[in-house]
Amino acid sequence: MPLIKVQSSVAQPETAVIETLLKQLSAQLAQHLGKPESYVMTAFEAETPMTFAGTTEPVCYVEIKSIGTMSGTQTQAMSQEFCQRLETALGVPKQRIYIEFTDAKGMMWGWNGSTFG
C-alpha cells in the first residue's frame, strides 16, 4: 500500500544504481511507516522534462502515498532522509527536491482484486 515514486530530470542512471536506490527507498519507507515492506511499491522515472525556480537544473519530484495518517514527525523525518538519499544517489541538491505526502483511504486503494477498505 505505501508508494514512493520519484520523477527526475536527471539522465537515466545505470540500472544497478536505480535498483539499489529503489530497494533502499522501499526499506526506509516501510520502516518510517511501520508497515511490511512486502506491500511497498517504488518507482523511478528519469529524464522527465522539468523546471524548478525557473531553471532546468537537475530536479526531483517525489510522491509518497500510504493508507492511514502520516504524522508531521514522520513526514519531517522522511523528507530529511529521502532528500539526502536522492541528493547522494542522483546528485540533485536537496533544495531542488519537492516531496508530496498523501494519506489515502483504504477504500481508495486497490490490490489483488479488492481494496484495503
N, C-alpha and C. Protein backbone atom coordinates (compact mmCIF):
# COMPACT_ATOMS: atom_id res chain seq x y z
N MET A 1 0.80 -1.21 0.00
CA MET A 1 0.00 0.00 0.00
C MET A 1 0.84 1.26 0.00
N PRO A 2 1.96 1.33 0.74
CA PRO A 2 2.76 2.53 0.59
C PRO A 2 3.43 2.58 -0.79
N LEU A 3 3.57 3.78 -1.30
CA LEU A 3 4.20 4.00 -2.59
C LEU A 3 5.15 5.18 -2.48
N ILE A 4 6.32 5.04 -3.06
CA ILE A 4 7.22 6.17 -3.24
C ILE A 4 7.60 6.19 -4.72
N LYS A 5 7.27 7.30 -5.37
CA LYS A 5 7.52 7.47 -6.80
C LYS A 5 8.40 8.70 -6.97
N VAL A 6 9.51 8.52 -7.68
CA VAL A 6 10.47 9.60 -7.91
C VAL A 6 10.49 9.93 -9.39
N GLN A 7 10.25 11.18 -9.70
CA GLN A 7 10.41 11.69 -11.06
C GLN A 7 11.56 12.67 -11.04
N SER A 8 12.45 12.57 -12.02
CA SER A 8 13.61 13.45 -12.03
C SER A 8 13.99 13.83 -13.45
N SER A 9 14.64 14.98 -13.55
CA SER A 9 15.13 15.44 -14.84
C SER A 9 16.52 14.89 -15.15
N VAL A 10 17.14 14.17 -14.23
CA VAL A 10 18.48 13.65 -14.45
C VAL A 10 18.48 12.62 -15.57
N ALA A 11 19.65 12.46 -16.20
CA ALA A 11 19.82 11.41 -17.21
C ALA A 11 19.63 10.05 -16.56
N GLN A 12 19.19 9.10 -17.35
CA GLN A 12 18.93 7.75 -16.84
C GLN A 12 20.20 7.16 -16.24
N PRO A 13 20.20 6.93 -14.91
CA PRO A 13 21.37 6.30 -14.28
C PRO A 13 21.47 4.83 -14.69
N GLU A 14 22.61 4.22 -14.39
CA GLU A 14 22.78 2.80 -14.66
C GLU A 14 21.73 2.00 -13.89
N THR A 15 21.34 0.88 -14.45
CA THR A 15 20.31 0.03 -13.85
C THR A 15 20.65 -0.34 -12.41
N ALA A 16 21.89 -0.68 -12.15
CA ALA A 16 22.29 -1.08 -10.79
C ALA A 16 22.10 0.06 -9.80
N VAL A 17 22.36 1.28 -10.20
CA VAL A 17 22.19 2.45 -9.33
C VAL A 17 20.72 2.61 -8.97
N ILE A 18 19.85 2.50 -9.97
CA ILE A 18 18.41 2.66 -9.74
C ILE A 18 17.87 1.52 -8.88
N GLU A 19 18.27 0.30 -9.16
CA GLU A 19 17.80 -0.83 -8.36
C GLU A 19 18.21 -0.68 -6.90
N THR A 20 19.43 -0.26 -6.66
CA THR A 20 19.89 -0.04 -5.29
C THR A 20 19.09 1.06 -4.62
N LEU A 21 18.90 2.18 -5.33
CA LEU A 21 18.13 3.30 -4.79
C LEU A 21 16.71 2.87 -4.44
N LEU A 22 16.04 2.17 -5.35
CA LEU A 22 14.65 1.76 -5.11
C LEU A 22 14.55 0.80 -3.92
N LYS A 23 15.49 -0.10 -3.79
CA LYS A 23 15.48 -1.02 -2.66
C LYS A 23 15.71 -0.29 -1.34
N GLN A 24 16.60 0.70 -1.36
CA GLN A 24 16.84 1.50 -0.15
C GLN A 24 15.60 2.30 0.22
N LEU A 25 14.97 2.94 -0.77
CA LEU A 25 13.76 3.72 -0.51
C LEU A 25 12.64 2.84 0.02
N SER A 26 12.52 1.63 -0.53
CA SER A 26 11.49 0.69 -0.09
C SER A 26 11.66 0.34 1.38
N ALA A 27 12.87 -0.03 1.75
CA ALA A 27 13.14 -0.41 3.14
C ALA A 27 12.93 0.78 4.08
N GLN A 28 13.39 1.96 3.67
CA GLN A 28 13.24 3.15 4.52
C GLN A 28 11.78 3.53 4.69
N LEU A 29 11.00 3.47 3.61
CA LEU A 29 9.59 3.83 3.70
C LEU A 29 8.85 2.87 4.63
N ALA A 30 9.10 1.58 4.48
CA ALA A 30 8.46 0.60 5.36
C ALA A 30 8.81 0.88 6.82
N GLN A 31 10.06 1.19 7.08
CA GLN A 31 10.49 1.47 8.45
C GLN A 31 9.81 2.73 8.99
N HIS A 32 9.79 3.79 8.21
CA HIS A 32 9.18 5.05 8.67
C HIS A 32 7.69 4.89 8.97
N LEU A 33 7.01 4.09 8.15
CA LEU A 33 5.56 3.95 8.30
C LEU A 33 5.17 2.79 9.21
N GLY A 34 6.13 1.95 9.55
CA GLY A 34 5.82 0.80 10.39
C GLY A 34 4.93 -0.21 9.68
N LYS A 35 5.14 -0.35 8.36
CA LYS A 35 4.34 -1.28 7.57
C LYS A 35 5.25 -2.32 6.93
N PRO A 36 4.70 -3.49 6.61
CA PRO A 36 5.54 -4.53 5.99
C PRO A 36 6.07 -4.07 4.63
N GLU A 37 7.35 -4.32 4.40
CA GLU A 37 7.93 -3.95 3.11
C GLU A 37 7.29 -4.74 1.97
N SER A 38 6.68 -5.88 2.28
CA SER A 38 6.04 -6.69 1.24
C SER A 38 4.90 -5.94 0.54
N TYR A 39 4.43 -4.84 1.12
CA TYR A 39 3.37 -4.04 0.50
C TYR A 39 3.90 -2.76 -0.15
N VAL A 40 5.17 -2.44 -0.01
CA VAL A 40 5.73 -1.19 -0.51
C VAL A 40 6.04 -1.30 -2.00
N MET A 41 5.66 -0.27 -2.75
CA MET A 41 5.98 -0.17 -4.17
C MET A 41 6.86 1.06 -4.38
N THR A 42 7.87 0.92 -5.23
CA THR A 42 8.72 2.05 -5.58
C THR A 42 8.72 2.21 -7.10
N ALA A 43 8.94 3.44 -7.55
CA ALA A 43 9.02 3.71 -8.99
C ALA A 43 9.99 4.85 -9.22
N PHE A 44 10.65 4.82 -10.37
CA PHE A 44 11.59 5.87 -10.72
C PHE A 44 11.45 6.20 -12.19
N GLU A 45 11.33 7.49 -12.49
CA GLU A 45 11.26 7.97 -13.87
C GLU A 45 12.35 9.02 -14.06
N ALA A 46 13.29 8.74 -14.95
CA ALA A 46 14.36 9.68 -15.26
C ALA A 46 14.03 10.45 -16.53
N GLU A 47 14.82 11.48 -16.76
CA GLU A 47 14.75 12.28 -17.99
C GLU A 47 13.37 12.89 -18.22
N THR A 48 12.69 13.23 -17.13
CA THR A 48 11.39 13.89 -17.22
C THR A 48 11.65 15.39 -17.40
N PRO A 49 11.15 15.99 -18.48
CA PRO A 49 11.36 17.42 -18.64
C PRO A 49 10.71 18.18 -17.47
N MET A 50 11.51 18.95 -16.75
CA MET A 50 11.03 19.64 -15.55
C MET A 50 11.78 20.96 -15.39
N THR A 51 11.12 21.89 -14.70
CA THR A 51 11.80 23.11 -14.26
C THR A 51 11.53 23.29 -12.77
N PHE A 52 12.39 24.04 -12.13
CA PHE A 52 12.20 24.43 -10.73
C PHE A 52 12.91 25.76 -10.57
N ALA A 53 12.24 26.71 -9.98
CA ALA A 53 12.80 28.06 -9.79
C ALA A 53 13.23 28.67 -11.12
N GLY A 54 12.51 28.31 -12.18
CA GLY A 54 12.75 28.91 -13.49
C GLY A 54 13.94 28.35 -14.24
N THR A 55 14.54 27.24 -13.73
CA THR A 55 15.68 26.66 -14.44
C THR A 55 15.45 25.18 -14.70
N THR A 56 16.26 24.64 -15.60
CA THR A 56 16.19 23.21 -15.91
C THR A 56 17.35 22.44 -15.26
N GLU A 57 17.97 23.04 -14.24
CA GLU A 57 18.99 22.31 -13.48
C GLU A 57 18.33 21.04 -12.89
N PRO A 58 19.13 20.02 -12.54
CA PRO A 58 18.56 18.78 -12.03
C PRO A 58 17.56 19.01 -10.89
N VAL A 59 16.46 18.27 -10.95
CA VAL A 59 15.35 18.43 -10.01
C VAL A 59 14.65 17.08 -9.80
N CYS A 60 14.00 16.92 -8.67
CA CYS A 60 13.20 15.72 -8.38
C CYS A 60 11.84 16.13 -7.81
N TYR A 61 10.83 15.37 -8.18
CA TYR A 61 9.51 15.45 -7.56
C TYR A 61 9.21 14.05 -7.04
N VAL A 62 8.84 13.96 -5.77
CA VAL A 62 8.61 12.68 -5.13
C VAL A 62 7.19 12.62 -4.58
N GLU A 63 6.51 11.51 -4.82
CA GLU A 63 5.19 11.27 -4.23
C GLU A 63 5.32 10.13 -3.24
N ILE A 64 4.83 10.36 -2.04
CA ILE A 64 4.76 9.31 -1.03
C ILE A 64 3.31 9.19 -0.61
N LYS A 65 2.74 8.00 -0.84
CA LYS A 65 1.34 7.75 -0.53
C LYS A 65 1.24 6.54 0.38
N SER A 66 0.30 6.61 1.30
CA SER A 66 0.09 5.49 2.22
C SER A 66 -1.33 5.53 2.76
N ILE A 67 -1.83 4.35 3.09
CA ILE A 67 -3.14 4.27 3.74
C ILE A 67 -2.94 4.57 5.21
N GLY A 68 -3.77 5.45 5.72
CA GLY A 68 -3.66 5.84 7.12
C GLY A 68 -3.23 7.28 7.23
N THR A 69 -2.75 7.66 8.38
CA THR A 69 -2.37 9.04 8.64
C THR A 69 -0.89 9.12 8.95
N MET A 70 -0.19 9.94 8.18
CA MET A 70 1.21 10.21 8.46
C MET A 70 1.28 11.43 9.37
N SER A 71 2.07 11.36 10.40
CA SER A 71 2.20 12.48 11.32
C SER A 71 3.23 13.48 10.79
N GLY A 72 3.21 14.66 11.33
CA GLY A 72 4.19 15.67 10.98
C GLY A 72 5.60 15.24 11.32
N THR A 73 5.74 14.51 12.41
CA THR A 73 7.05 14.00 12.79
C THR A 73 7.56 13.00 11.74
N GLN A 74 6.65 12.14 11.26
CA GLN A 74 7.03 11.16 10.24
C GLN A 74 7.41 11.84 8.93
N THR A 75 6.58 12.78 8.48
CA THR A 75 6.87 13.41 7.20
C THR A 75 8.15 14.24 7.26
N GLN A 76 8.41 14.87 8.39
CA GLN A 76 9.65 15.64 8.55
C GLN A 76 10.86 14.70 8.46
N ALA A 77 10.79 13.58 9.15
CA ALA A 77 11.90 12.61 9.12
C ALA A 77 12.08 12.03 7.73
N MET A 78 10.97 11.70 7.06
CA MET A 78 11.07 11.15 5.71
C MET A 78 11.63 12.18 4.74
N SER A 79 11.20 13.42 4.85
CA SER A 79 11.71 14.47 3.98
C SER A 79 13.23 14.58 4.12
N GLN A 80 13.69 14.62 5.34
CA GLN A 80 15.12 14.75 5.59
C GLN A 80 15.89 13.56 5.01
N GLU A 81 15.42 12.36 5.30
CA GLU A 81 16.13 11.15 4.88
C GLU A 81 16.09 10.95 3.37
N PHE A 82 14.89 11.11 2.77
CA PHE A 82 14.77 10.86 1.34
C PHE A 82 15.46 11.93 0.51
N CYS A 83 15.42 13.18 0.94
CA CYS A 83 16.15 14.23 0.22
C CYS A 83 17.65 13.94 0.23
N GLN A 84 18.16 13.54 1.39
CA GLN A 84 19.59 13.20 1.48
C GLN A 84 19.92 12.02 0.59
N ARG A 85 19.08 11.00 0.61
CA ARG A 85 19.32 9.80 -0.20
C ARG A 85 19.34 10.14 -1.69
N LEU A 86 18.39 10.97 -2.13
CA LEU A 86 18.31 11.34 -3.54
C LEU A 86 19.47 12.24 -3.96
N GLU A 87 19.86 13.14 -3.07
CA GLU A 87 21.00 14.00 -3.37
C GLU A 87 22.26 13.14 -3.56
N THR A 88 22.46 12.18 -2.69
CA THR A 88 23.63 11.31 -2.77
C THR A 88 23.58 10.42 -4.01
N ALA A 89 22.44 9.81 -4.28
CA ALA A 89 22.32 8.85 -5.38
C ALA A 89 22.27 9.51 -6.76
N LEU A 90 21.59 10.66 -6.85
CA LEU A 90 21.34 11.27 -8.15
C LEU A 90 22.07 12.59 -8.38
N GLY A 91 22.59 13.17 -7.31
CA GLY A 91 23.27 14.45 -7.45
C GLY A 91 22.34 15.64 -7.53
N VAL A 92 21.09 15.45 -7.13
CA VAL A 92 20.11 16.55 -7.13
C VAL A 92 20.17 17.23 -5.77
N PRO A 93 20.48 18.53 -5.73
CA PRO A 93 20.54 19.22 -4.43
C PRO A 93 19.21 19.14 -3.68
N LYS A 94 19.30 19.00 -2.36
CA LYS A 94 18.08 18.88 -1.54
C LYS A 94 17.11 20.05 -1.76
N GLN A 95 17.64 21.23 -2.02
CA GLN A 95 16.77 22.40 -2.20
C GLN A 95 16.07 22.38 -3.57
N ARG A 96 16.32 21.35 -4.37
CA ARG A 96 15.64 21.20 -5.66
C ARG A 96 14.79 19.93 -5.68
N ILE A 97 14.34 19.51 -4.51
CA ILE A 97 13.50 18.32 -4.38
C ILE A 97 12.22 18.69 -3.64
N TYR A 98 11.09 18.43 -4.27
CA TYR A 98 9.79 18.55 -3.61
C TYR A 98 9.28 17.15 -3.31
N ILE A 99 8.64 17.00 -2.15
CA ILE A 99 8.01 15.74 -1.77
C ILE A 99 6.56 16.03 -1.42
N GLU A 100 5.66 15.28 -2.03
CA GLU A 100 4.23 15.37 -1.71
C GLU A 100 3.84 14.13 -0.91
N PHE A 101 3.32 14.34 0.28
CA PHE A 101 2.85 13.25 1.14
C PHE A 101 1.32 13.20 1.05
N THR A 102 0.79 12.01 0.80
CA THR A 102 -0.65 11.85 0.67
C THR A 102 -1.13 10.67 1.51
N ASP A 103 -2.11 10.94 2.39
CA ASP A 103 -2.78 9.88 3.13
C ASP A 103 -3.96 9.42 2.28
N ALA A 104 -4.06 8.12 2.06
CA ALA A 104 -5.15 7.57 1.26
C ALA A 104 -6.12 6.80 2.15
N LYS A 105 -7.37 6.80 1.76
CA LYS A 105 -8.36 5.96 2.43
C LYS A 105 -8.25 4.55 1.87
N GLY A 106 -8.43 3.55 2.73
CA GLY A 106 -8.32 2.16 2.30
C GLY A 106 -9.22 1.81 1.14
N MET A 107 -10.42 2.37 1.13
CA MET A 107 -11.36 2.06 0.05
C MET A 107 -10.93 2.67 -1.29
N MET A 108 -9.96 3.57 -1.26
CA MET A 108 -9.49 4.23 -2.48
C MET A 108 -8.18 3.63 -3.00
N TRP A 109 -7.77 2.48 -2.44
CA TRP A 109 -6.52 1.84 -2.83
C TRP A 109 -6.82 0.39 -3.14
N GLY A 110 -6.67 0.00 -4.39
CA GLY A 110 -6.96 -1.37 -4.80
C GLY A 110 -5.74 -2.27 -4.86
N TRP A 111 -5.95 -3.53 -4.62
CA TRP A 111 -4.90 -4.52 -4.68
C TRP A 111 -5.51 -5.92 -4.73
N ASN A 112 -4.99 -6.76 -5.57
CA ASN A 112 -5.35 -8.16 -5.60
C ASN A 112 -6.85 -8.37 -5.84
N GLY A 113 -7.43 -7.51 -6.66
CA GLY A 113 -8.84 -7.64 -6.99
C GLY A 113 -9.80 -7.09 -5.95
N SER A 114 -9.28 -6.41 -4.95
CA SER A 114 -10.11 -5.85 -3.89
C SER A 114 -9.56 -4.48 -3.50
N THR A 115 -9.95 -3.99 -2.35
CA THR A 115 -9.40 -2.74 -1.81
C THR A 115 -9.00 -2.98 -0.36
N PHE A 116 -8.35 -1.97 0.24
CA PHE A 116 -7.93 -2.09 1.63
C PHE A 116 -8.98 -1.53 2.59
N GLY A 117 -10.15 -1.16 2.08
CA GLY A 117 -11.15 -0.58 2.99
C GLY A 117 -12.53 -1.07 2.77
